[in-house]
Amino acid sequence: MSRLQQIVEQIDAQSQPPVHLWDPEYVGSIDINIDNNGAWFHEGGLISRDKLVCLFASILWFENGQHYLVTPAEKLAIDVADVPFLIHQMEHVDDTWVAVTNTHDQIIIGDENPVVLREFNGQWLPYINVRYDLWARVNRSVYYQWVSEAAEAAEDETDLWLNSAAYRFRVGSL
């Protein structure tokens, strides 16, 4: 079994609650926010338990410009400074890019998890769709890794492109 097949099996085994099926009657808010660095806070205090952050991340939902924590019983609005996830690790496996988020989700870059460039703090940076219109910003070290690889392959182009299997995505311009 190839390394990529192992990753696909790990992703398939990552159990996500079916938040897309839940439509609770109660809608409110909770004093939880996610800052630009992907840190989670409750009532101003840092949530330092990684397992608790991962649990909350598993029930995230995005709808009408608002992020929510959703259960079958309630949907609670939270504040997110930019996006709820950060990509802190990237691996090139069998011509396919595999990303890892700050909440340990593995994502295979492709049509289901596309890369787009968005402006953040005056710079154009890549973002990856994780699930349910929830996005992850690629951190600086991964971005530099991508730019370095794309620049080597750029030839005469001014735009920097990478491929993840059959999916082609832009990471910047020269």
N, C-alpha and C. Protein backbone atom coordinates (compact mmCIF):
# COMPACT_ATOMS: atom_id res chain seq x y z
N MET A 1 0.85 -1.18 0.00
CA MET A 1 0.00 0.00 0.00
C MET A 1 0.90 1.24 0.00
N SER A 2 0.58 2.19 -0.89
CA SER A 2 1.39 3.40 -0.98
C SER A 2 1.11 4.33 0.19
N ARG A 3 2.02 5.27 0.41
CA ARG A 3 1.87 6.26 1.48
C ARG A 3 0.59 7.07 1.26
N LEU A 4 0.29 7.44 0.00
CA LEU A 4 -0.93 8.21 -0.28
C LEU A 4 -2.18 7.39 0.04
N GLN A 5 -2.18 6.12 -0.27
CA GLN A 5 -3.34 5.28 0.07
C GLN A 5 -3.52 5.20 1.59
N GLN A 6 -2.42 5.15 2.32
CA GLN A 6 -2.51 5.14 3.78
C GLN A 6 -3.13 6.44 4.29
N ILE A 7 -2.73 7.57 3.70
CA ILE A 7 -3.29 8.86 4.11
C ILE A 7 -4.78 8.93 3.79
N VAL A 8 -5.17 8.44 2.61
CA VAL A 8 -6.59 8.42 2.25
C VAL A 8 -7.38 7.59 3.26
N GLU A 9 -6.86 6.46 3.67
CA GLU A 9 -7.53 5.64 4.68
C GLU A 9 -7.62 6.37 6.02
N GLN A 10 -6.56 7.08 6.39
CA GLN A 10 -6.59 7.86 7.64
C GLN A 10 -7.65 8.94 7.57
N ILE A 11 -7.74 9.62 6.42
CA ILE A 11 -8.75 10.67 6.25
C ILE A 11 -10.15 10.08 6.34
N ASP A 12 -10.36 8.95 5.67
CA ASP A 12 -11.67 8.30 5.72
C ASP A 12 -12.04 7.89 7.14
N ALA A 13 -11.03 7.56 7.95
CA ALA A 13 -11.27 7.13 9.33
C ALA A 13 -11.51 8.32 10.27
N GLN A 14 -11.14 9.54 9.83
CA GLN A 14 -11.38 10.73 10.65
C GLN A 14 -12.88 10.96 10.73
N SER A 15 -13.45 10.60 11.82
CA SER A 15 -14.89 10.71 11.98
C SER A 15 -15.28 12.17 12.26
N GLN A 16 -16.14 12.70 11.42
CA GLN A 16 -16.66 14.05 11.62
C GLN A 16 -18.15 13.96 11.93
N PRO A 17 -18.61 14.67 12.95
CA PRO A 17 -20.05 14.69 13.22
C PRO A 17 -20.81 15.23 12.00
N PRO A 18 -22.02 14.77 11.78
CA PRO A 18 -22.79 15.21 10.59
C PRO A 18 -23.46 16.57 10.78
N VAL A 19 -22.65 17.60 11.04
CA VAL A 19 -23.22 18.94 11.30
C VAL A 19 -24.04 19.45 10.12
N HIS A 20 -23.73 19.01 8.91
CA HIS A 20 -24.48 19.44 7.74
C HIS A 20 -25.92 18.92 7.77
N LEU A 21 -26.21 17.94 8.62
CA LEU A 21 -27.56 17.39 8.73
C LEU A 21 -28.35 18.00 9.89
N TRP A 22 -27.65 18.71 10.78
CA TRP A 22 -28.30 19.23 11.97
C TRP A 22 -28.91 20.61 11.71
N ASP A 23 -30.14 20.80 12.15
CA ASP A 23 -30.83 22.08 12.02
C ASP A 23 -31.57 22.36 13.33
N PRO A 24 -30.82 22.68 14.39
CA PRO A 24 -31.45 22.87 15.70
C PRO A 24 -32.35 24.11 15.73
N GLU A 25 -33.35 24.05 16.58
CA GLU A 25 -34.26 25.18 16.74
C GLU A 25 -33.59 26.34 17.46
N TYR A 26 -32.80 26.04 18.50
CA TYR A 26 -32.19 27.11 19.29
C TYR A 26 -30.95 27.64 18.58
N VAL A 27 -30.95 28.96 18.36
CA VAL A 27 -29.80 29.65 17.80
C VAL A 27 -29.43 30.77 18.75
N GLY A 28 -28.17 30.80 19.16
CA GLY A 28 -27.70 31.83 20.09
C GLY A 28 -26.25 32.16 19.81
N SER A 29 -25.56 32.57 20.83
CA SER A 29 -24.13 32.86 20.68
C SER A 29 -23.41 32.43 21.95
N ILE A 30 -22.10 32.30 21.82
CA ILE A 30 -21.26 31.93 22.95
C ILE A 30 -19.97 32.75 22.83
N ASP A 31 -19.41 33.11 23.95
CA ASP A 31 -18.20 33.95 23.97
C ASP A 31 -16.96 33.09 23.70
N ILE A 32 -16.90 32.60 22.46
CA ILE A 32 -15.73 31.87 21.98
C ILE A 32 -15.25 32.59 20.74
N ASN A 33 -13.93 32.78 20.65
CA ASN A 33 -13.38 33.37 19.43
C ASN A 33 -12.08 32.69 19.05
N ILE A 34 -11.80 32.77 17.74
CA ILE A 34 -10.57 32.22 17.18
C ILE A 34 -9.79 33.39 16.61
N ASP A 35 -8.55 33.56 17.05
CA ASP A 35 -7.76 34.71 16.59
C ASP A 35 -7.05 34.40 15.27
N ASN A 36 -6.30 35.36 14.76
CA ASN A 36 -5.59 35.22 13.48
C ASN A 36 -4.57 34.08 13.47
N ASN A 37 -4.11 33.68 14.64
CA ASN A 37 -3.12 32.61 14.73
C ASN A 37 -3.73 31.24 14.96
N GLY A 38 -5.07 31.16 14.91
CA GLY A 38 -5.76 29.88 15.10
C GLY A 38 -5.95 29.49 16.55
N ALA A 39 -5.65 30.40 17.48
CA ALA A 39 -5.83 30.12 18.91
C ALA A 39 -7.30 30.34 19.28
N TRP A 40 -7.83 29.45 20.10
CA TRP A 40 -9.21 29.51 20.56
C TRP A 40 -9.28 30.11 21.96
N PHE A 41 -10.26 30.97 22.18
CA PHE A 41 -10.44 31.63 23.47
C PHE A 41 -11.90 31.50 23.91
N HIS A 42 -12.09 31.32 25.22
CA HIS A 42 -13.44 31.33 25.81
C HIS A 42 -13.45 32.37 26.92
N GLU A 43 -14.35 33.33 26.78
CA GLU A 43 -14.47 34.45 27.73
C GLU A 43 -13.11 35.10 27.98
N GLY A 44 -12.31 35.23 26.93
CA GLY A 44 -11.03 35.91 27.00
C GLY A 44 -9.85 35.04 27.39
N GLY A 45 -10.12 33.83 27.89
CA GLY A 45 -9.04 32.93 28.29
C GLY A 45 -8.72 31.92 27.21
N LEU A 46 -7.44 31.65 27.01
CA LEU A 46 -6.99 30.70 26.02
C LEU A 46 -7.50 29.29 26.35
N ILE A 47 -8.06 28.62 25.37
CA ILE A 47 -8.41 27.21 25.52
C ILE A 47 -7.16 26.42 25.17
N SER A 48 -6.49 25.89 26.17
CA SER A 48 -5.18 25.27 25.96
C SER A 48 -5.26 23.76 25.78
N ARG A 49 -6.40 23.16 26.04
CA ARG A 49 -6.54 21.71 25.88
C ARG A 49 -6.78 21.39 24.41
N ASP A 50 -5.79 20.78 23.79
CA ASP A 50 -5.83 20.47 22.36
C ASP A 50 -7.05 19.63 21.99
N LYS A 51 -7.39 18.66 22.82
CA LYS A 51 -8.54 17.79 22.52
C LYS A 51 -9.85 18.56 22.54
N LEU A 52 -9.95 19.55 23.39
CA LEU A 52 -11.17 20.37 23.44
C LEU A 52 -11.27 21.24 22.20
N VAL A 53 -10.16 21.83 21.78
CA VAL A 53 -10.14 22.62 20.54
C VAL A 53 -10.53 21.74 19.36
N CYS A 54 -9.99 20.53 19.29
CA CYS A 54 -10.32 19.62 18.19
C CYS A 54 -11.79 19.23 18.21
N LEU A 55 -12.35 19.03 19.40
CA LEU A 55 -13.78 18.72 19.53
C LEU A 55 -14.62 19.88 19.00
N PHE A 56 -14.32 21.10 19.44
CA PHE A 56 -15.05 22.26 18.94
C PHE A 56 -14.89 22.40 17.43
N ALA A 57 -13.68 22.20 16.93
CA ALA A 57 -13.43 22.33 15.49
C ALA A 57 -14.26 21.32 14.70
N SER A 58 -14.52 20.17 15.28
CA SER A 58 -15.28 19.14 14.57
C SER A 58 -16.75 19.50 14.40
N ILE A 59 -17.25 20.45 15.19
CA ILE A 59 -18.67 20.83 15.07
C ILE A 59 -18.83 22.26 14.53
N LEU A 60 -17.79 22.73 13.85
CA LEU A 60 -17.87 24.06 13.23
C LEU A 60 -18.75 24.03 11.99
N TRP A 61 -19.42 25.14 11.77
CA TRP A 61 -20.28 25.32 10.61
C TRP A 61 -20.18 26.78 10.18
N PHE A 62 -20.29 27.05 8.89
CA PHE A 62 -20.25 28.42 8.37
C PHE A 62 -21.50 28.64 7.53
N GLU A 63 -22.22 29.72 7.85
CA GLU A 63 -23.48 29.99 7.16
C GLU A 63 -23.74 31.50 7.17
N ASN A 64 -24.05 32.04 6.00
CA ASN A 64 -24.39 33.47 5.88
C ASN A 64 -23.35 34.38 6.53
N GLY A 65 -22.08 34.09 6.31
CA GLY A 65 -21.00 34.94 6.82
C GLY A 65 -20.71 34.78 8.30
N GLN A 66 -21.29 33.78 8.95
CA GLN A 66 -21.12 33.59 10.39
C GLN A 66 -20.63 32.17 10.68
N HIS A 67 -19.69 32.04 11.63
CA HIS A 67 -19.24 30.74 12.10
C HIS A 67 -20.07 30.33 13.31
N TYR A 68 -20.37 29.04 13.39
CA TYR A 68 -21.17 28.49 14.49
C TYR A 68 -20.55 27.21 15.01
N LEU A 69 -20.82 26.92 16.27
CA LEU A 69 -20.65 25.59 16.83
C LEU A 69 -22.05 24.99 16.83
N VAL A 70 -22.19 23.81 16.22
CA VAL A 70 -23.51 23.23 16.02
C VAL A 70 -23.59 21.85 16.67
N THR A 71 -24.68 21.63 17.40
CA THR A 71 -25.03 20.31 17.91
C THR A 71 -26.47 20.04 17.48
N PRO A 72 -26.97 18.85 17.70
CA PRO A 72 -28.38 18.62 17.35
C PRO A 72 -29.35 19.52 18.12
N ALA A 73 -28.90 20.04 19.28
CA ALA A 73 -29.78 20.84 20.14
C ALA A 73 -29.64 22.34 19.97
N GLU A 74 -28.46 22.83 19.52
CA GLU A 74 -28.26 24.27 19.44
C GLU A 74 -27.21 24.64 18.40
N LYS A 75 -27.31 25.89 17.95
CA LYS A 75 -26.35 26.47 17.02
C LYS A 75 -25.91 27.79 17.63
N LEU A 76 -24.59 27.85 18.00
CA LEU A 76 -24.08 29.00 18.73
C LEU A 76 -23.04 29.74 17.89
N ALA A 77 -23.29 31.02 17.67
CA ALA A 77 -22.38 31.86 16.90
C ALA A 77 -21.10 32.10 17.70
N ILE A 78 -19.96 32.06 16.99
CA ILE A 78 -18.67 32.40 17.58
C ILE A 78 -18.00 33.43 16.67
N ASP A 79 -16.98 34.10 17.17
CA ASP A 79 -16.24 35.08 16.39
C ASP A 79 -14.95 34.45 15.87
N VAL A 80 -14.69 34.66 14.59
CA VAL A 80 -13.47 34.15 13.96
C VAL A 80 -12.80 35.33 13.27
N ALA A 81 -11.56 35.63 13.66
CA ALA A 81 -10.86 36.80 13.14
C ALA A 81 -10.62 36.70 11.64
N ASP A 82 -10.18 35.56 11.16
CA ASP A 82 -9.93 35.37 9.73
C ASP A 82 -10.59 34.08 9.29
N VAL A 83 -9.94 32.96 9.54
CA VAL A 83 -10.48 31.63 9.24
C VAL A 83 -10.23 30.74 10.45
N PRO A 84 -11.00 29.66 10.60
CA PRO A 84 -10.85 28.85 11.81
C PRO A 84 -9.65 27.93 11.83
N PHE A 85 -9.04 27.67 10.67
CA PHE A 85 -7.94 26.71 10.62
C PHE A 85 -6.69 27.33 10.02
N LEU A 86 -5.55 26.77 10.39
CA LEU A 86 -4.26 27.12 9.78
C LEU A 86 -3.63 25.83 9.27
N ILE A 87 -2.98 25.92 8.14
CA ILE A 87 -2.19 24.80 7.63
C ILE A 87 -0.78 24.99 8.17
N HIS A 88 -0.33 24.07 9.00
CA HIS A 88 1.00 24.22 9.59
C HIS A 88 1.99 23.18 9.09
N GLN A 89 1.50 22.26 8.27
CA GLN A 89 2.40 21.24 7.73
C GLN A 89 1.89 20.83 6.36
N MET A 90 2.83 20.54 5.45
CA MET A 90 2.48 20.12 4.10
C MET A 90 3.46 19.05 3.69
N GLU A 91 2.95 18.04 3.01
CA GLU A 91 3.79 16.94 2.55
C GLU A 91 3.45 16.66 1.09
N HIS A 92 4.47 16.44 0.28
CA HIS A 92 4.29 16.08 -1.12
C HIS A 92 4.42 14.57 -1.22
N VAL A 93 3.30 13.89 -1.48
CA VAL A 93 3.26 12.43 -1.48
C VAL A 93 2.75 11.96 -2.84
N ASP A 94 3.58 11.22 -3.56
CA ASP A 94 3.17 10.66 -4.86
C ASP A 94 2.55 11.73 -5.76
N ASP A 95 3.20 12.86 -5.93
CA ASP A 95 2.73 13.97 -6.77
C ASP A 95 1.45 14.63 -6.25
N THR A 96 1.12 14.41 -5.00
CA THR A 96 -0.09 14.99 -4.40
C THR A 96 0.30 15.73 -3.13
N TRP A 97 -0.25 16.93 -2.96
CA TRP A 97 0.02 17.71 -1.75
C TRP A 97 -1.01 17.34 -0.68
N VAL A 98 -0.50 17.04 0.51
CA VAL A 98 -1.34 16.69 1.65
C VAL A 98 -1.06 17.71 2.76
N ALA A 99 -2.10 18.39 3.20
CA ALA A 99 -1.98 19.42 4.22
C ALA A 99 -2.44 18.88 5.57
N VAL A 100 -1.89 19.45 6.64
CA VAL A 100 -2.32 19.13 8.00
C VAL A 100 -2.67 20.44 8.69
N THR A 101 -3.86 20.50 9.27
CA THR A 101 -4.31 21.72 9.95
C THR A 101 -3.82 21.75 11.39
N ASN A 102 -4.03 22.89 12.02
CA ASN A 102 -3.70 23.05 13.44
C ASN A 102 -4.57 22.17 14.34
N THR A 103 -5.65 21.60 13.79
CA THR A 103 -6.50 20.70 14.57
C THR A 103 -6.31 19.25 14.11
N HIS A 104 -5.21 19.00 13.41
CA HIS A 104 -4.77 17.65 13.03
C HIS A 104 -5.58 17.01 11.90
N ASP A 105 -6.41 17.77 11.21
CA ASP A 105 -7.11 17.24 10.04
C ASP A 105 -6.14 17.13 8.89
N GLN A 106 -6.19 16.03 8.15
CA GLN A 106 -5.40 15.89 6.94
C GLN A 106 -6.30 16.19 5.76
N ILE A 107 -5.74 16.91 4.77
CA ILE A 107 -6.50 17.34 3.61
C ILE A 107 -5.69 17.09 2.37
N ILE A 108 -6.29 16.45 1.39
CA ILE A 108 -5.63 16.25 0.11
C ILE A 108 -6.04 17.40 -0.80
N ILE A 109 -5.05 18.17 -1.25
CA ILE A 109 -5.31 19.32 -2.12
C ILE A 109 -5.84 18.80 -3.45
N GLY A 110 -6.98 19.33 -3.88
CA GLY A 110 -7.59 18.92 -5.14
C GLY A 110 -8.93 19.60 -5.33
N ASP A 111 -9.74 19.07 -6.22
CA ASP A 111 -11.03 19.68 -6.53
C ASP A 111 -11.94 19.80 -5.31
N GLU A 112 -11.92 18.80 -4.42
CA GLU A 112 -12.77 18.85 -3.22
C GLU A 112 -12.23 19.80 -2.16
N ASN A 113 -10.93 20.02 -2.18
CA ASN A 113 -10.26 20.91 -1.23
C ASN A 113 -9.36 21.85 -2.01
N PRO A 114 -9.99 22.83 -2.70
CA PRO A 114 -9.22 23.73 -3.58
C PRO A 114 -8.41 24.76 -2.81
N VAL A 115 -7.45 25.33 -3.52
CA VAL A 115 -6.61 26.40 -3.01
C VAL A 115 -7.01 27.69 -3.73
N VAL A 116 -7.22 28.76 -2.99
CA VAL A 116 -7.48 30.08 -3.56
C VAL A 116 -6.55 31.09 -2.91
N LEU A 117 -6.26 32.16 -3.63
CA LEU A 117 -5.48 33.26 -3.06
C LEU A 117 -6.43 34.32 -2.55
N ARG A 118 -6.20 34.76 -1.32
CA ARG A 118 -7.00 35.82 -0.70
C ARG A 118 -6.04 36.82 -0.06
N GLU A 119 -6.53 38.04 0.06
CA GLU A 119 -5.73 39.06 0.71
C GLU A 119 -5.87 38.94 2.23
N PHE A 120 -4.73 38.95 2.92
CA PHE A 120 -4.69 38.92 4.38
C PHE A 120 -3.57 39.84 4.83
N ASN A 121 -3.92 40.86 5.61
CA ASN A 121 -2.94 41.84 6.11
C ASN A 121 -2.07 42.41 4.99
N GLY A 122 -2.70 42.74 3.86
CA GLY A 122 -2.00 43.38 2.75
C GLY A 122 -1.19 42.46 1.87
N GLN A 123 -1.28 41.15 2.09
CA GLN A 123 -0.56 40.18 1.26
C GLN A 123 -1.54 39.16 0.71
N TRP A 124 -1.23 38.65 -0.49
CA TRP A 124 -2.04 37.59 -1.08
C TRP A 124 -1.47 36.26 -0.64
N LEU A 125 -2.29 35.47 0.07
CA LEU A 125 -1.86 34.19 0.63
C LEU A 125 -2.82 33.08 0.21
N PRO A 126 -2.32 31.85 0.15
CA PRO A 126 -3.19 30.73 -0.20
C PRO A 126 -4.04 30.27 0.98
N TYR A 127 -5.27 29.92 0.66
CA TYR A 127 -6.22 29.35 1.60
C TYR A 127 -6.73 28.05 1.01
N ILE A 128 -7.04 27.09 1.87
CA ILE A 128 -7.52 25.79 1.42
C ILE A 128 -8.89 25.54 2.06
N ASN A 129 -9.84 25.09 1.24
CA ASN A 129 -11.15 24.72 1.78
C ASN A 129 -11.00 23.39 2.50
N VAL A 130 -11.36 23.38 3.78
CA VAL A 130 -11.24 22.17 4.61
C VAL A 130 -12.50 21.33 4.47
N ARG A 131 -13.65 21.93 4.73
CA ARG A 131 -14.96 21.27 4.60
C ARG A 131 -16.03 22.32 4.88
N TYR A 132 -17.23 22.10 4.36
CA TYR A 132 -18.39 22.95 4.64
C TYR A 132 -18.10 24.44 4.51
N ASP A 133 -17.36 24.86 3.55
CA ASP A 133 -16.99 26.26 3.36
C ASP A 133 -16.21 26.82 4.56
N LEU A 134 -15.51 25.95 5.26
CA LEU A 134 -14.58 26.33 6.32
C LEU A 134 -13.18 26.29 5.73
N TRP A 135 -12.43 27.36 5.92
CA TRP A 135 -11.15 27.53 5.24
C TRP A 135 -9.98 27.53 6.21
N ALA A 136 -8.83 27.20 5.67
CA ALA A 136 -7.56 27.24 6.41
C ALA A 136 -6.59 28.13 5.66
N ARG A 137 -5.91 28.99 6.39
CA ARG A 137 -4.85 29.81 5.79
C ARG A 137 -3.53 29.05 5.89
N VAL A 138 -2.78 29.06 4.81
CA VAL A 138 -1.48 28.39 4.78
C VAL A 138 -0.48 29.25 5.56
N ASN A 139 0.22 28.64 6.52
CA ASN A 139 1.16 29.44 7.32
C ASN A 139 2.40 29.78 6.51
N ARG A 140 3.22 30.64 7.07
CA ARG A 140 4.36 31.19 6.35
C ARG A 140 5.36 30.13 5.88
N SER A 141 5.73 29.19 6.75
CA SER A 141 6.75 28.21 6.36
C SER A 141 6.26 27.31 5.23
N VAL A 142 4.99 26.92 5.25
CA VAL A 142 4.43 26.10 4.16
C VAL A 142 4.36 26.93 2.89
N TYR A 143 3.96 28.20 3.02
CA TYR A 143 3.89 29.07 1.84
C TYR A 143 5.27 29.21 1.18
N TYR A 144 6.31 29.41 1.99
CA TYR A 144 7.66 29.52 1.43
C TYR A 144 8.09 28.22 0.75
N GLN A 145 7.70 27.10 1.33
CA GLN A 145 7.98 25.80 0.71
C GLN A 145 7.32 25.73 -0.67
N TRP A 146 6.06 26.13 -0.76
CA TRP A 146 5.34 26.12 -2.04
C TRP A 146 5.99 27.07 -3.04
N VAL A 147 6.29 28.29 -2.61
CA VAL A 147 6.88 29.28 -3.52
C VAL A 147 8.22 28.78 -4.05
N SER A 148 9.02 28.18 -3.19
CA SER A 148 10.31 27.66 -3.61
C SER A 148 10.14 26.58 -4.68
N GLU A 149 9.23 25.65 -4.45
CA GLU A 149 8.99 24.58 -5.43
C GLU A 149 8.40 25.12 -6.72
N ALA A 150 7.47 26.07 -6.62
CA ALA A 150 6.83 26.63 -7.82
C ALA A 150 7.81 27.47 -8.62
N ALA A 151 8.70 28.20 -7.95
CA ALA A 151 9.68 29.05 -8.64
C ALA A 151 10.64 28.20 -9.46
N GLU A 152 11.01 27.03 -8.94
CA GLU A 152 11.90 26.14 -9.68
C GLU A 152 11.27 25.66 -10.99
N ALA A 153 9.95 25.50 -10.98
CA ALA A 153 9.25 24.98 -12.15
C ALA A 153 8.66 26.09 -13.03
N ALA A 154 8.85 27.36 -12.65
CA ALA A 154 8.15 28.47 -13.30
C ALA A 154 8.54 28.71 -14.74
N GLU A 155 9.76 28.41 -15.13
CA GLU A 155 10.26 28.68 -16.47
C GLU A 155 10.06 30.16 -16.81
N ASP A 156 9.26 30.49 -17.80
CA ASP A 156 9.08 31.88 -18.22
C ASP A 156 7.79 32.51 -17.72
N GLU A 157 7.05 31.83 -16.88
CA GLU A 157 5.77 32.35 -16.40
C GLU A 157 6.00 33.36 -15.28
N THR A 158 5.08 34.30 -15.15
CA THR A 158 5.14 35.24 -14.02
C THR A 158 4.33 34.72 -12.84
N ASP A 159 3.36 33.85 -13.09
CA ASP A 159 2.58 33.26 -12.01
C ASP A 159 3.24 31.97 -11.55
N LEU A 160 3.12 31.69 -10.27
CA LEU A 160 3.69 30.48 -9.69
C LEU A 160 2.57 29.45 -9.50
N TRP A 161 2.76 28.28 -10.08
CA TRP A 161 1.75 27.23 -10.05
C TRP A 161 2.34 25.94 -9.49
N LEU A 162 1.48 25.16 -8.83
CA LEU A 162 1.84 23.81 -8.39
C LEU A 162 0.73 22.86 -8.82
N ASN A 163 1.08 21.60 -8.86
CA ASN A 163 0.10 20.56 -9.16
C ASN A 163 -0.02 19.62 -7.97
N SER A 164 -1.24 19.21 -7.72
CA SER A 164 -1.52 18.16 -6.75
C SER A 164 -2.30 17.11 -7.52
N ALA A 165 -1.59 16.07 -7.95
CA ALA A 165 -2.14 15.09 -8.89
C ALA A 165 -2.61 15.86 -10.13
N ALA A 166 -3.88 15.75 -10.53
CA ALA A 166 -4.38 16.41 -11.72
C ALA A 166 -4.85 17.84 -11.46
N TYR A 167 -4.85 18.27 -10.20
CA TYR A 167 -5.33 19.60 -9.83
C TYR A 167 -4.18 20.61 -9.89
N ARG A 168 -4.37 21.73 -10.57
CA ARG A 168 -3.36 22.78 -10.67
C ARG A 168 -3.84 24.00 -9.90
N PHE A 169 -2.94 24.58 -9.11
CA PHE A 169 -3.33 25.75 -8.33
C PHE A 169 -2.20 26.77 -8.31
N ARG A 170 -2.63 28.03 -8.20
CA ARG A 170 -1.70 29.17 -8.18
C ARG A 170 -1.32 29.50 -6.76
N VAL A 171 -0.01 29.74 -6.55
CA VAL A 171 0.45 30.10 -5.20
C VAL A 171 0.99 31.53 -5.13
N GLY A 172 1.09 32.21 -6.26
CA GLY A 172 1.57 33.59 -6.23
C GLY A 172 2.11 34.02 -7.57
N SER A 173 2.76 35.18 -7.57
CA SER A 173 3.36 35.76 -8.78
C SER A 173 4.77 36.21 -8.48
N LEU A 174 5.58 36.21 -9.53
CA LEU A 174 6.96 36.71 -9.40
C LEU A 174 6.98 38.22 -9.50
